[in-house]
Amino acid sequence: MLYPENGEAMQILHYKHSQKYEPHYDIFHDKANRELGGHRVATVLMYLSNVEKGGETVFPRSVEDTQTKDDSMSDCAKQGYSVKPEKGDALLSFSLHPDATTDSLSLHGSCPVIEGEKWSATK
C-alpha cells in the first residue's frame, strides 16, 4: 500500500526547446535524500501540456519490440519504451520490486523538446 503521508510534495517541471532530463533511477544513496524518505517506491507523472514534437518520457532499458516506432517519435524515444506527453494523461511507474530491490527497467528520462514546451507535474 502507498500511503499519502509518505509522499513528497508535488513538483512542477517545465522544459523548453532542447531541454531534457537524462535517464536516471528514483533510487537515492546520498544522506540528504535518505533522510527525506529515501527511495521513491512509485512516481506519478502528470502531463500538463501537449508537446508538438519530442519531450517523450523514455524507459531505455525496457523491451524495445513491445512498441511500434514511427516518424512521429523523436530519435530519443525510439530507444526503449516511450510515452508521448498528452495533456491530461498520467504515467505511474514503480522504482522497486515488491522485495524492495531496484527494478532495473525503471530507468527513465525525458527526451529533448524539439517543438513547443513541456509542462508536467510529479508526485
PDB file of N, CA and C in Angstrom:
ATOM      1  N   MET A   1       0.840  -1.176   0.000  1.00  0.00           N
ATOM      2  CA  MET A   1       0.000   0.000   0.000  1.00  0.00           C
ATOM      3  C   MET A   1       0.886   1.240   0.000  1.00  0.00           C
ATOM      4  N   LEU A   2       0.484   2.236  -0.749  1.00  0.00           N
ATOM      5  CA  LEU A   2       1.202   3.509  -0.801  1.00  0.00           C
ATOM      6  C   LEU A   2       0.429   4.528   0.042  1.00  0.00           C
ATOM      7  N   TYR A   3       1.063   5.036   1.071  1.00  0.00           N
ATOM      8  CA  TYR A   3       0.409   5.960   1.990  1.00  0.00           C
ATOM      9  C   TYR A   3       0.713   7.400   1.607  1.00  0.00           C
ATOM     10  N   PRO A   4      -0.313   8.253   1.488  1.00  0.00           N
ATOM     11  CA  PRO A   4      -0.096   9.649   1.085  1.00  0.00           C
ATOM     12  C   PRO A   4       0.893  10.392   1.983  1.00  0.00           C
ATOM     13  N   GLU A   5       0.890  10.100   3.265  1.00  0.00           N
ATOM     14  CA  GLU A   5       1.792  10.815   4.175  1.00  0.00           C
ATOM     15  C   GLU A   5       3.268  10.486   3.924  1.00  0.00           C
ATOM     16  N   ASN A   6       3.542   9.437   3.160  1.00  0.00           N
ATOM     17  CA  ASN A   6       4.923   9.090   2.822  1.00  0.00           C
ATOM     18  C   ASN A   6       5.392   9.761   1.535  1.00  0.00           C
ATOM     19  N   GLY A   7       4.496  10.449   0.867  1.00  0.00           N
ATOM     20  CA  GLY A   7       4.843  11.040  -0.422  1.00  0.00           C
ATOM     21  C   GLY A   7       5.542  12.376  -0.314  1.00  0.00           C
ATOM     22  N   GLU A   8       6.279  12.699  -1.355  1.00  0.00           N
ATOM     23  CA  GLU A   8       6.921  14.000  -1.469  1.00  0.00           C
ATOM     24  C   GLU A   8       5.900  15.032  -1.932  1.00  0.00           C
ATOM     25  N   ALA A   9       6.266  16.288  -1.815  1.00  0.00           N
ATOM     26  CA  ALA A   9       5.419  17.358  -2.345  1.00  0.00           C
ATOM     27  C   ALA A   9       5.386  17.262  -3.863  1.00  0.00           C
ATOM     28  N   MET A  10       4.317  17.774  -4.456  1.00  0.00           N
ATOM     29  CA  MET A  10       4.217  17.791  -5.913  1.00  0.00           C
ATOM     30  C   MET A  10       5.293  18.733  -6.469  1.00  0.00           C
ATOM     31  N   GLN A  11       5.873  18.336  -7.594  1.00  0.00           N
ATOM     32  CA  GLN A  11       6.870  19.154  -8.261  1.00  0.00           C
ATOM     33  C   GLN A  11       6.381  19.476  -9.670  1.00  0.00           C
ATOM     34  N   ILE A  12       6.505  20.734 -10.074  1.00  0.00           N
ATOM     35  CA  ILE A  12       6.135  21.162 -11.424  1.00  0.00           C
ATOM     36  C   ILE A  12       7.414  21.249 -12.249  1.00  0.00           C
ATOM     37  N   LEU A  13       7.381  20.654 -13.439  1.00  0.00           N
ATOM     38  CA  LEU A  13       8.541  20.628 -14.330  1.00  0.00           C
ATOM     39  C   LEU A  13       8.200  21.366 -15.626  1.00  0.00           C
ATOM     40  N   HIS A  14       9.146  22.147 -16.119  1.00  0.00           N
ATOM     41  CA  HIS A  14       8.952  22.912 -17.358  1.00  0.00           C
ATOM     42  C   HIS A  14      10.184  22.746 -18.235  1.00  0.00           C
ATOM     43  N   TYR A  15       9.968  22.228 -19.428  1.00  0.00           N
ATOM     44  CA  TYR A  15      11.052  22.019 -20.383  1.00  0.00           C
ATOM     45  C   TYR A  15      10.804  22.880 -21.611  1.00  0.00           C
ATOM     46  N   LYS A  16      11.813  23.656 -21.994  1.00  0.00           N
ATOM     47  CA  LYS A  16      11.763  24.452 -23.212  1.00  0.00           C
ATOM     48  C   LYS A  16      12.548  23.729 -24.304  1.00  0.00           C
ATOM     49  N   HIS A  17      12.639  24.365 -25.473  1.00  0.00           N
ATOM     50  CA  HIS A  17      13.324  23.763 -26.618  1.00  0.00           C
ATOM     51  C   HIS A  17      14.682  23.205 -26.225  1.00  0.00           C
ATOM     52  N   SER A  18      14.945  21.979 -26.590  1.00  0.00           N
ATOM     53  CA  SER A  18      16.182  21.215 -26.410  1.00  0.00           C
ATOM     54  C   SER A  18      16.440  20.772 -24.968  1.00  0.00           C
ATOM     55  N   GLN A  19      15.580  21.169 -24.025  1.00  0.00           N
ATOM     56  CA  GLN A  19      15.797  20.729 -22.653  1.00  0.00           C
ATOM     57  C   GLN A  19      15.323  19.291 -22.479  1.00  0.00           C
ATOM     58  N   LYS A  20      16.027  18.571 -21.597  1.00  0.00           N
ATOM     59  CA  LYS A  20      15.745  17.155 -21.377  1.00  0.00           C
ATOM     60  C   LYS A  20      16.124  16.800 -19.947  1.00  0.00           C
ATOM     61  N   TYR A  21      15.832  15.569 -19.573  1.00  0.00           N
ATOM     62  CA  TYR A  21      16.255  15.044 -18.275  1.00  0.00           C
ATOM     63  C   TYR A  21      16.916  13.705 -18.560  1.00  0.00           C
ATOM     64  N   GLU A  22      18.195  13.601 -18.233  1.00  0.00           N
ATOM     65  CA  GLU A  22      18.943  12.380 -18.517  1.00  0.00           C
ATOM     66  C   GLU A  22      18.323  11.177 -17.804  1.00  0.00           C
ATOM     67  N   PRO A  23      18.403   9.984 -18.408  1.00  0.00           N
ATOM     68  CA  PRO A  23      17.867   8.791 -17.747  1.00  0.00           C
ATOM     69  C   PRO A  23      18.487   8.585 -16.365  1.00  0.00           C
ATOM     70  N   HIS A  24      17.631   8.213 -15.422  1.00  0.00           N
ATOM     71  CA  HIS A  24      18.032   8.060 -14.028  1.00  0.00           C
ATOM     72  C   HIS A  24      17.073   7.106 -13.320  1.00  0.00           C
ATOM     73  N   TYR A  25      17.472   6.666 -12.151  1.00  0.00           N
ATOM     74  CA  TYR A  25      16.606   5.892 -11.268  1.00  0.00           C
ATOM     75  C   TYR A  25      16.131   6.807 -10.146  1.00  0.00           C
ATOM     76  N   ASP A  26      14.971   6.537  -9.602  1.00  0.00           N
ATOM     77  CA  ASP A  26      14.487   7.283  -8.443  1.00  0.00           C
ATOM     78  C   ASP A  26      14.904   6.567  -7.160  1.00  0.00           C
ATOM     79  N   ILE A  27      16.160   6.178  -7.139  1.00  0.00           N
ATOM     80  CA  ILE A  27      16.783   5.493  -6.018  1.00  0.00           C
ATOM     81  C   ILE A  27      17.878   6.419  -5.493  1.00  0.00           C
ATOM     82  N   PHE A  28      17.946   6.579  -4.195  1.00  0.00           N
ATOM     83  CA  PHE A  28      18.885   7.545  -3.627  1.00  0.00           C
ATOM     84  C   PHE A  28      19.877   6.869  -2.695  1.00  0.00           C
ATOM     85  N   HIS A  29      21.131   7.271  -2.822  1.00  0.00           N
ATOM     86  CA  HIS A  29      22.172   6.724  -1.965  1.00  0.00           C
ATOM     87  C   HIS A  29      22.818   7.806  -1.095  1.00  0.00           C
ATOM     88  N   ASP A  30      22.486   9.069  -1.370  1.00  0.00           N
ATOM     89  CA  ASP A  30      23.084  10.141  -0.585  1.00  0.00           C
ATOM     90  C   ASP A  30      22.312  10.351   0.722  1.00  0.00           C
ATOM     91  N   LYS A  31      23.005  10.858   1.717  1.00  0.00           N
ATOM     92  CA  LYS A  31      22.444  11.035   3.062  1.00  0.00           C
ATOM     93  C   LYS A  31      21.228  11.974   3.062  1.00  0.00           C
ATOM     94  N   ALA A  32      21.306  13.079   2.325  1.00  0.00           N
ATOM     95  CA  ALA A  32      20.218  14.064   2.346  1.00  0.00           C
ATOM     96  C   ALA A  32      18.905  13.457   1.867  1.00  0.00           C
ATOM     97  N   ASN A  33      18.917  12.738   0.750  1.00  0.00           N
ATOM     98  CA  ASN A  33      17.686  12.134   0.234  1.00  0.00           C
ATOM     99  C   ASN A  33      17.218  10.963   1.094  1.00  0.00           C
ATOM    100  N   ARG A  34      18.137  10.233   1.691  1.00  0.00           N
ATOM    101  CA  ARG A  34      17.729   9.145   2.585  1.00  0.00           C
ATOM    102  C   ARG A  34      16.999   9.714   3.793  1.00  0.00           C
ATOM    103  N   GLU A  35      17.460  10.849   4.300  1.00  0.00           N
ATOM    104  CA  GLU A  35      16.802  11.481   5.450  1.00  0.00           C
ATOM    105  C   GLU A  35      15.444  12.064   5.084  1.00  0.00           C
ATOM    106  N   LEU A  36      15.253  12.400   3.815  1.00  0.00           N
ATOM    107  CA  LEU A  36      13.967  12.931   3.353  1.00  0.00           C
ATOM    108  C   LEU A  36      12.968  11.828   3.010  1.00  0.00           C
ATOM    109  N   GLY A  37      13.325  10.587   3.219  1.00  0.00           N
ATOM    110  CA  GLY A  37      12.397   9.493   2.959  1.00  0.00           C
ATOM    111  C   GLY A  37      12.984   8.368   2.143  1.00  0.00           C
ATOM    112  N   GLY A  38      14.106   8.612   1.499  1.00  0.00           N
ATOM    113  CA  GLY A  38      14.765   7.540   0.762  1.00  0.00           C
ATOM    114  C   GLY A  38      14.206   7.329  -0.625  1.00  0.00           C
ATOM    115  N   HIS A  39      14.262   6.082  -1.050  1.00  0.00           N
ATOM    116  CA  HIS A  39      13.869   5.724  -2.408  1.00  0.00           C
ATOM    117  C   HIS A  39      12.405   6.087  -2.681  1.00  0.00           C
ATOM    118  N   ARG A  40      12.143   6.426  -3.934  1.00  0.00           N
ATOM    119  CA  ARG A  40      10.754   6.588  -4.370  1.00  0.00           C
ATOM    120  C   ARG A  40      10.259   5.219  -4.793  1.00  0.00           C
ATOM    121  N   VAL A  41       9.249   4.743  -4.138  1.00  0.00           N
ATOM    122  CA  VAL A  41       8.672   3.446  -4.497  1.00  0.00           C
ATOM    123  C   VAL A  41       7.923   3.572  -5.812  1.00  0.00           C
ATOM    124  N   ALA A  42       7.163   4.649  -5.944  1.00  0.00           N
ATOM    125  CA  ALA A  42       6.362   4.870  -7.148  1.00  0.00           C
ATOM    126  C   ALA A  42       6.321   6.363  -7.446  1.00  0.00           C
ATOM    127  N   THR A  43       6.142   6.692  -8.705  1.00  0.00           N
ATOM    128  CA  THR A  43       6.025   8.080  -9.142  1.00  0.00           C
ATOM    129  C   THR A  43       4.857   8.190 -10.109  1.00  0.00           C
ATOM    130  N   VAL A  44       4.071   9.245  -9.930  1.00  0.00           N
ATOM    131  CA  VAL A  44       3.034   9.574 -10.900  1.00  0.00           C
ATOM    132  C   VAL A  44       3.500  10.829 -11.628  1.00  0.00           C
ATOM    133  N   LEU A  45       3.599  10.731 -12.945  1.00  0.00           N
ATOM    134  CA  LEU A  45       3.977  11.859 -13.789  1.00  0.00           C
ATOM    135  C   LEU A  45       2.728  12.296 -14.535  1.00  0.00           C
ATOM    136  N   MET A  46       2.304  13.537 -14.292  1.00  0.00           N
ATOM    137  CA  MET A  46       1.090  14.075 -14.917  1.00  0.00           C
ATOM    138  C   MET A  46       1.491  15.068 -16.005  1.00  0.00           C
ATOM    139  N   TYR A  47       0.946  14.865 -17.188  1.00  0.00           N
ATOM    140  CA  TYR A  47       1.253  15.757 -18.315  1.00  0.00           C
ATOM    141  C   TYR A  47       0.272  16.922 -18.308  1.00  0.00           C
ATOM    142  N   LEU A  48       0.816  18.140 -18.208  1.00  0.00           N
ATOM    143  CA  LEU A  48       0.008  19.349 -18.109  1.00  0.00           C
ATOM    144  C   LEU A  48      -0.111  20.084 -19.434  1.00  0.00           C
ATOM    145  N   SER A  49       0.613  19.609 -20.449  1.00  0.00           N
ATOM    146  CA  SER A  49       0.546  20.238 -21.774  1.00  0.00           C
ATOM    147  C   SER A  49       0.842  19.196 -22.838  1.00  0.00           C
ATOM    148  N   ASN A  50       0.425  19.500 -24.042  1.00  0.00           N
ATOM    149  CA  ASN A  50       0.845  18.708 -25.200  1.00  0.00           C
ATOM    150  C   ASN A  50       2.192  19.255 -25.659  1.00  0.00           C
ATOM    151  N   VAL A  51       2.973  18.423 -26.313  1.00  0.00           N
ATOM    152  CA  VAL A  51       4.240  18.853 -26.891  1.00  0.00           C
ATOM    153  C   VAL A  51       4.154  18.538 -28.381  1.00  0.00           C
ATOM    154  N   GLU A  52       4.434  19.542 -29.213  1.00  0.00           N
ATOM    155  CA  GLU A  52       4.334  19.330 -30.655  1.00  0.00           C
ATOM    156  C   GLU A  52       5.259  18.215 -31.130  1.00  0.00           C
ATOM    157  N   LYS A  53       6.508  18.222 -30.644  1.00  0.00           N
ATOM    158  CA  LYS A  53       7.447  17.165 -31.034  1.00  0.00           C
ATOM    159  C   LYS A  53       8.497  17.007 -29.938  1.00  0.00           C
ATOM    160  N   GLY A  54       8.831  15.735 -29.650  1.00  0.00           N
ATOM    161  CA  GLY A  54       9.813  15.432 -28.615  1.00  0.00           C
ATOM    162  C   GLY A  54       9.179  15.454 -27.234  1.00  0.00           C
ATOM    163  N   GLY A  55      10.015  15.489 -26.218  1.00  0.00           N
ATOM    164  CA  GLY A  55       9.542  15.555 -24.840  1.00  0.00           C
ATOM    165  C   GLY A  55       8.973  14.260 -24.281  1.00  0.00           C
ATOM    166  N   GLU A  56       9.147  13.156 -25.007  1.00  0.00           N
ATOM    167  CA  GLU A  56       8.600  11.890 -24.546  1.00  0.00           C
ATOM    168  C   GLU A  56       9.295  11.444 -23.255  1.00  0.00           C
ATOM    169  N   THR A  57       8.588  10.695 -22.443  1.00  0.00           N
ATOM    170  CA  THR A  57       9.196  10.011 -21.311  1.00  0.00           C
ATOM    171  C   THR A  57       9.673   8.670 -21.845  1.00  0.00           C
ATOM    172  N   VAL A  58      10.940   8.363 -21.609  1.00  0.00           N
ATOM    173  CA  VAL A  58      11.510   7.149 -22.189  1.00  0.00           C
ATOM    174  C   VAL A  58      12.064   6.247 -21.090  1.00  0.00           C
ATOM    175  N   PHE A  59      11.847   4.959 -21.279  1.00  0.00           N
ATOM    176  CA  PHE A  59      12.395   3.917 -20.413  1.00  0.00           C
ATOM    177  C   PHE A  59      13.385   3.129 -21.274  1.00  0.00           C
ATOM    178  N   PRO A  60      14.658   3.560 -21.326  1.00  0.00           N
ATOM    179  CA  PRO A  60      15.615   2.985 -22.290  1.00  0.00           C
ATOM    180  C   PRO A  60      15.969   1.523 -22.073  1.00  0.00           C
ATOM    181  N   ARG A  61      15.739   0.983 -20.898  1.00  0.00           N
ATOM    182  CA  ARG A  61      16.080  -0.425 -20.660  1.00  0.00           C
ATOM    183  C   ARG A  61      14.898  -1.361 -20.841  1.00  0.00           C
ATOM    184  N   SER A  62      13.762  -0.820 -21.186  1.00  0.00           N
ATOM    185  CA  SER A  62      12.589  -1.678 -21.379  1.00  0.00           C
ATOM    186  C   SER A  62      12.719  -2.458 -22.684  1.00  0.00           C
ATOM    187  N   VAL A  63      11.847  -3.382 -22.888  1.00  0.00           N
ATOM    188  CA  VAL A  63      11.885  -4.216 -24.086  1.00  0.00           C
ATOM    189  C   VAL A  63      11.409  -3.384 -25.274  1.00  0.00           C
ATOM    190  N   GLU A  64      12.306  -3.138 -26.213  1.00  0.00           N
ATOM    191  CA  GLU A  64      12.004  -2.242 -27.334  1.00  0.00           C
ATOM    192  C   GLU A  64      10.965  -2.777 -28.299  1.00  0.00           C
ATOM    193  N   ASP A  65      10.882  -4.085 -28.480  1.00  0.00           N
ATOM    194  CA  ASP A  65       9.970  -4.611 -29.500  1.00  0.00           C
ATOM    195  C   ASP A  65       8.515  -4.675 -29.032  1.00  0.00           C
ATOM    196  N   THR A  66       8.221  -4.109 -27.864  1.00  0.00           N
ATOM    197  CA  THR A  66       6.833  -4.093 -27.385  1.00  0.00           C
ATOM    198  C   THR A  66       6.079  -2.868 -27.880  1.00  0.00           C
ATOM    199  N   GLN A  67       6.735  -2.002 -28.627  1.00  0.00           N
ATOM    200  CA  GLN A  67       6.112  -0.769 -29.078  1.00  0.00           C
ATOM    201  C   GLN A  67       6.485  -0.499 -30.530  1.00  0.00           C
ATOM    202  N   THR A  68       5.500  -0.148 -31.330  1.00  0.00           N
ATOM    203  CA  THR A  68       5.752   0.214 -32.720  1.00  0.00           C
ATOM    204  C   THR A  68       6.359   1.610 -32.760  1.00  0.00           C
ATOM    205  N   LYS A  69       7.448   1.759 -33.482  1.00  0.00           N
ATOM    206  CA  LYS A  69       8.127   3.051 -33.627  1.00  0.00           C
ATOM    207  C   LYS A  69       7.734   3.663 -34.966  1.00  0.00           C
ATOM    208  N   ASP A  70       7.523   4.991 -34.957  1.00  0.00           N
ATOM    209  CA  ASP A  70       7.179   5.663 -36.208  1.00  0.00           C
ATOM    210  C   ASP A  70       7.849   7.038 -36.268  1.00  0.00           C
ATOM    211  N   ASP A  71       7.637   7.748 -37.363  1.00  0.00           N
ATOM    212  CA  ASP A  71       8.299   9.035 -37.588  1.00  0.00           C
ATOM    213  C   ASP A  71       7.801  10.155 -36.687  1.00  0.00           C
ATOM    214  N   SER A  72       6.696   9.945 -35.971  1.00  0.00           N
ATOM    215  CA  SER A  72       6.205  10.985 -35.070  1.00  0.00           C
ATOM    216  C   SER A  72       7.018  11.025 -33.770  1.00  0.00           C
ATOM    217  N   MET A  73       7.851  10.009 -33.539  1.00  0.00           N
ATOM    218  CA  MET A  73       8.650   9.934 -32.322  1.00  0.00           C
ATOM    219  C   MET A  73      10.025  10.555 -32.545  1.00  0.00           C
ATOM    220  N   SER A  74      10.568  11.144 -31.494  1.00  0.00           N
ATOM    221  CA  SER A  74      11.933  11.652 -31.586  1.00  0.00           C
ATOM    222  C   SER A  74      12.895  10.466 -31.589  1.00  0.00           C
ATOM    223  N   ASP A  75      14.126  10.695 -32.025  1.00  0.00           N
ATOM    224  CA  ASP A  75      15.126   9.626 -32.033  1.00  0.00           C
ATOM    225  C   ASP A  75      15.337   9.072 -30.625  1.00  0.00           C
ATOM    226  N   CYS A  76      15.334   9.941 -29.640  1.00  0.00           N
ATOM    227  CA  CYS A  76      15.499   9.533 -28.248  1.00  0.00           C
ATOM    228  C   CYS A  76      14.407   8.544 -27.836  1.00  0.00           C
ATOM    229  N   ALA A  77      13.172   8.794 -28.252  1.00  0.00           N
ATOM    230  CA  ALA A  77      12.027   7.964 -27.868  1.00  0.00           C
ATOM    231  C   ALA A  77      12.040   6.595 -28.532  1.00  0.00           C
ATOM    232  N   LYS A  78      12.851   6.446 -29.549  1.00  0.00           N
ATOM    233  CA  LYS A  78      12.924   5.164 -30.258  1.00  0.00           C
ATOM    234  C   LYS A  78      13.853   4.177 -29.561  1.00  0.00           C
ATOM    235  N   GLN A  79      14.479   4.603 -28.472  1.00  0.00           N
ATOM    236  CA  GLN A  79      15.432   3.754 -27.758  1.00  0.00           C
ATOM    237  C   GLN A  79      14.836   3.294 -26.443  1.00  0.00           C
ATOM    238  N   GLY A  80      13.972   2.318 -26.507  1.00  0.00           N
ATOM    239  CA  GLY A  80      13.269   1.829 -25.336  1.00  0.00           C
ATOM    240  C   GLY A  80      11.783   2.066 -25.489  1.00  0.00           C
ATOM    241  N   TYR A  81      11.061   1.945 -24.407  1.00  0.00           N
ATOM    242  CA  TYR A  81       9.620   2.211 -24.431  1.00  0.00           C
ATOM    243  C   TYR A  81       9.411   3.676 -24.099  1.00  0.00           C
ATOM    244  N   SER A  82       8.555   4.365 -24.842  1.00  0.00           N
ATOM    245  CA  SER A  82       8.355   5.791 -24.602  1.00  0.00           C
ATOM    246  C   SER A  82       6.876   6.148 -24.549  1.00  0.00           C
ATOM    247  N   VAL A  83       6.609   7.260 -23.878  1.00  0.00           N
ATOM    248  CA  VAL A  83       5.252   7.773 -23.726  1.00  0.00           C
ATOM    249  C   VAL A  83       5.250   9.219 -24.197  1.00  0.00           C
ATOM    250  N   LYS A  84       4.390   9.513 -25.166  1.00  0.00           N
ATOM    251  CA  LYS A  84       4.258  10.884 -25.680  1.00  0.00           C
ATOM    252  C   LYS A  84       3.437  11.708 -24.702  1.00  0.00           C
ATOM    253  N   PRO A  85       3.893  12.921 -24.348  1.00  0.00           N
ATOM    254  CA  PRO A  85       3.116  13.750 -23.432  1.00  0.00           C
ATOM    255  C   PRO A  85       1.802  14.204 -24.066  1.00  0.00           C
ATOM    256  N   GLU A  86       0.711  13.885 -23.409  1.00  0.00           N
ATOM    257  CA  GLU A  86      -0.626  14.320 -23.835  1.00  0.00           C
ATOM    258  C   GLU A  86      -1.302  14.964 -22.637  1.00  0.00           C
ATOM    259  N   LYS A  87      -1.689  16.217 -22.769  1.00  0.00           N
ATOM    260  CA  LYS A  87      -2.314  16.954 -21.667  1.00  0.00           C
ATOM    261  C   LYS A  87      -3.462  16.138 -21.072  1.00  0.00           C
ATOM    262  N   GLY A  88      -3.432  15.982 -19.746  1.00  0.00           N
ATOM    263  CA  GLY A  88      -4.473  15.250 -19.040  1.00  0.00           C
ATOM    264  C   GLY A  88      -4.129  13.798 -18.757  1.00  0.00           C
ATOM    265  N   ASP A  89      -3.101  13.261 -19.422  1.00  0.00           N
ATOM    266  CA  ASP A  89      -2.675  11.884 -19.166  1.00  0.00           C
ATOM    267  C   ASP A  89      -1.736  11.842 -17.965  1.00  0.00           C
ATOM    268  N   ALA A  90      -1.621  10.657 -17.380  1.00  0.00           N
ATOM    269  CA  ALA A  90      -0.688  10.447 -16.276  1.00  0.00           C
ATOM    270  C   ALA A  90      -0.011   9.096 -16.459  1.00  0.00           C
ATOM    271  N   LEU A  91       1.193   9.007 -15.958  1.00  0.00           N
ATOM    272  CA  LEU A  91       2.003   7.797 -16.064  1.00  0.00           C
ATOM    273  C   LEU A  91       2.424   7.385 -14.660  1.00  0.00           C
ATOM    274  N   LEU A  92       2.120   6.154 -14.281  1.00  0.00           N
ATOM    275  CA  LEU A  92       2.533   5.612 -12.987  1.00  0.00           C
ATOM    276  C   LEU A  92       3.678   4.644 -13.228  1.00  0.00           C
ATOM    277  N   SER A  93       4.783   4.843 -12.518  1.00  0.00           N
ATOM    278  CA  SER A  93       5.902   3.908 -12.639  1.00  0.00           C
ATOM    279  C   SER A  93       6.411   3.551 -11.251  1.00  0.00           C
ATOM    280  N   PHE A  94       6.911   2.334 -11.140  1.00  0.00           N
ATOM    281  CA  PHE A  94       7.459   1.836  -9.889  1.00  0.00           C
ATOM    282  C   PHE A  94       8.973   1.717 -10.018  1.00  0.00           C
ATOM    283  N   SER A  95       9.691   2.069  -8.961  1.00  0.00           N
ATOM    284  CA  SER A  95      11.148   2.023  -8.951  1.00  0.00           C
ATOM    285  C   SER A  95      11.694   0.755  -8.319  1.00  0.00           C
ATOM    286  N   LEU A  96      10.874   0.127  -7.500  1.00  0.00           N
ATOM    287  CA  LEU A  96      11.313  -1.032  -6.730  1.00  0.00           C
ATOM    288  C   LEU A  96      10.413  -2.228  -6.983  1.00  0.00           C
ATOM    289  N   HIS A  97      10.988  -3.402  -6.852  1.00  0.00           N
ATOM    290  CA  HIS A  97      10.210  -4.641  -6.848  1.00  0.00           C
ATOM    291  C   HIS A  97       9.548  -4.770  -5.475  1.00  0.00           C
ATOM    292  N   PRO A  98       8.562  -5.647  -5.313  1.00  0.00           N
ATOM    293  CA  PRO A  98       7.921  -5.830  -4.002  1.00  0.00           C
ATOM    294  C   PRO A  98       8.893  -6.194  -2.872  1.00  0.00           C
ATOM    295  N   ASP A  99      10.044  -6.789  -3.210  1.00  0.00           N
ATOM    296  CA  ASP A  99      11.017  -7.127  -2.169  1.00  0.00           C
ATOM    297  C   ASP A  99      11.993  -5.972  -1.888  1.00  0.00           C
ATOM    298  N   ALA A 100      11.688  -4.787  -2.418  1.00  0.00           N
ATOM    299  CA  ALA A 100      12.443  -3.539  -2.202  1.00  0.00           C
ATOM    300  C   ALA A 100      13.779  -3.498  -2.940  1.00  0.00           C
ATOM    301  N   THR A 101      13.992  -4.376  -3.905  1.00  0.00           N
ATOM    302  CA  THR A 101      15.188  -4.286  -4.737  1.00  0.00           C
ATOM    303  C   THR A 101      14.889  -3.391  -5.935  1.00  0.00           C
ATOM    304  N   THR A 102      15.919  -2.764  -6.465  1.00  0.00           N
ATOM    305  CA  THR A 102      15.764  -1.848  -7.597  1.00  0.00           C
ATOM    306  C   THR A 102      15.263  -2.586  -8.835  1.00  0.00           C
ATOM    307  N   ASP A 103      14.265  -2.016  -9.483  1.00  0.00           N
ATOM    308  CA  ASP A 103      13.789  -2.546 -10.767  1.00  0.00           C
ATOM    309  C   ASP A 103      14.652  -1.905 -11.847  1.00  0.00           C
ATOM    310  N   SER A 104      15.535  -2.676 -12.467  1.00  0.00           N
ATOM    311  CA  SER A 104      16.455  -2.120 -13.466  1.00  0.00           C
ATOM    312  C   SER A 104      15.725  -1.543 -14.679  1.00  0.00           C
ATOM    313  N   LEU A 105      14.495  -1.988 -14.918  1.00  0.00           N
ATOM    314  CA  LEU A 105      13.719  -1.457 -16.045  1.00  0.00           C
ATOM    315  C   LEU A 105      13.099  -0.093 -15.737  1.00  0.00           C
ATOM    316  N   SER A 106      13.239   0.385 -14.493  1.00  0.00           N
ATOM    317  CA  SER A 106      12.646   1.672 -14.127  1.00  0.00           C
ATOM    318  C   SER A 106      13.511   2.866 -14.526  1.00  0.00           C
ATOM    319  N   LEU A 107      14.677   2.615 -15.117  1.00  0.00           N
ATOM    320  CA  LEU A 107      15.499   3.709 -15.623  1.00  0.00           C
ATOM    321  C   LEU A 107      14.643   4.544 -16.569  1.00  0.00           C
ATOM    322  N   HIS A 108      14.587   5.861 -16.358  1.00  0.00           N
ATOM    323  CA  HIS A 108      13.711   6.708 -17.178  1.00  0.00           C
ATOM    324  C   HIS A 108      14.297   8.110 -17.317  1.00  0.00           C
ATOM    325  N   GLY A 109      13.847   8.802 -18.345  1.00  0.00           N
ATOM    326  CA  GLY A 109      14.287  10.165 -18.590  1.00  0.00           C
ATOM    327  C   GLY A 109      13.279  10.884 -19.461  1.00  0.00           C
ATOM    328  N   SER A 110      13.563  12.139 -19.725  1.00  0.00           N
ATOM    329  CA  SER A 110      12.708  12.936 -20.600  1.00  0.00           C
ATOM    330  C   SER A 110      13.511  13.299 -21.842  1.00  0.00           C
ATOM    331  N   CYS A 111      12.985  12.916 -23.001  1.00  0.00           N
ATOM    332  CA  CYS A 111      13.637  13.244 -24.266  1.00  0.00           C
ATOM    333  C   CYS A 111      13.608  14.755 -24.491  1.00  0.00           C
ATOM    334  N   PRO A 112      14.557  15.278 -25.266  1.00  0.00           N
ATOM    335  CA  PRO A 112      14.572  16.721 -25.535  1.00  0.00           C
ATOM    336  C   PRO A 112      13.296  17.187 -26.231  1.00  0.00           C
ATOM    337  N   VAL A 113      12.841  18.370 -25.847  1.00  0.00           N
ATOM    338  CA  VAL A 113      11.716  19.005 -26.533  1.00  0.00           C
ATOM    339  C   VAL A 113      12.249  19.537 -27.859  1.00  0.00           C
ATOM    340  N   ILE A 114      11.602  19.161 -28.946  1.00  0.00           N
ATOM    341  CA  ILE A 114      12.023  19.607 -30.278  1.00  0.00           C
ATOM    342  C   ILE A 114      11.181  20.788 -30.736  1.00  0.00           C
ATOM    343  N   GLU A 115       9.874  20.697 -30.527  1.00  0.00           N
ATOM    344  CA  GLU A 115       8.960  21.804 -30.854  1.00  0.00           C
ATOM    345  C   GLU A 115       7.975  21.976 -29.724  1.00  0.00           C
ATOM    346  N   GLY A 116       7.778  23.224 -29.285  1.00  0.00           N
ATOM    347  CA  GLY A 116       6.830  23.532 -28.211  1.00  0.00           C
ATOM    348  C   GLY A 116       7.506  23.540 -26.852  1.00  0.00           C
ATOM    349  N   GLU A 117       6.704  23.397 -25.814  1.00  0.00           N
ATOM    350  CA  GLU A 117       7.167  23.340 -24.438  1.00  0.00           C
ATOM    351  C   GLU A 117       6.481  22.181 -23.744  1.00  0.00           C
ATOM    352  N   LYS A 118       7.121  21.679 -22.702  1.00  0.00           N
ATOM    353  CA  LYS A 118       6.548  20.573 -21.932  1.00  0.00           C
ATOM    354  C   LYS A 118       6.353  21.038 -20.487  1.00  0.00           C
ATOM    355  N   TRP A 119       5.126  20.869 -20.013  1.00  0.00           N
ATOM    356  CA  TRP A 119       4.804  21.120 -18.617  1.00  0.00           C
ATOM    357  C   TRP A 119       4.300  19.813 -18.023  1.00  0.00           C
ATOM    358  N   SER A 120       4.835  19.458 -16.871  1.00  0.00           N
ATOM    359  CA  SER A 120       4.386  18.241 -16.205  1.00  0.00           C
ATOM    360  C   SER A 120       4.508  18.426 -14.704  1.00  0.00           C
ATOM    361  N   ALA A 121       3.907  17.493 -13.972  1.00  0.00           N
ATOM    362  CA  ALA A 121       3.987  17.510 -12.507  1.00  0.00           C
ATOM    363  C   ALA A 121       4.271  16.090 -12.050  1.00  0.00           C
ATOM    364  N   THR A 122       5.068  15.967 -11.008  1.00  0.00           N
ATOM    365  CA  THR A 122       5.349  14.649 -10.428  1.00  0.00           C
ATOM    366  C   THR A 122       4.895  14.616  -8.989  1.00  0.00           C
ATOM    367  N   LYS A 123       4.453  13.439  -8.574  1.00  0.00           N
ATOM    368  CA  LYS A 123       4.047  13.201  -7.179  1.00  0.00           C
ATOM    369  C   LYS A 123       4.492  11.817  -6.813  1.00  0.00           C
TER     370      LYS A 123
END
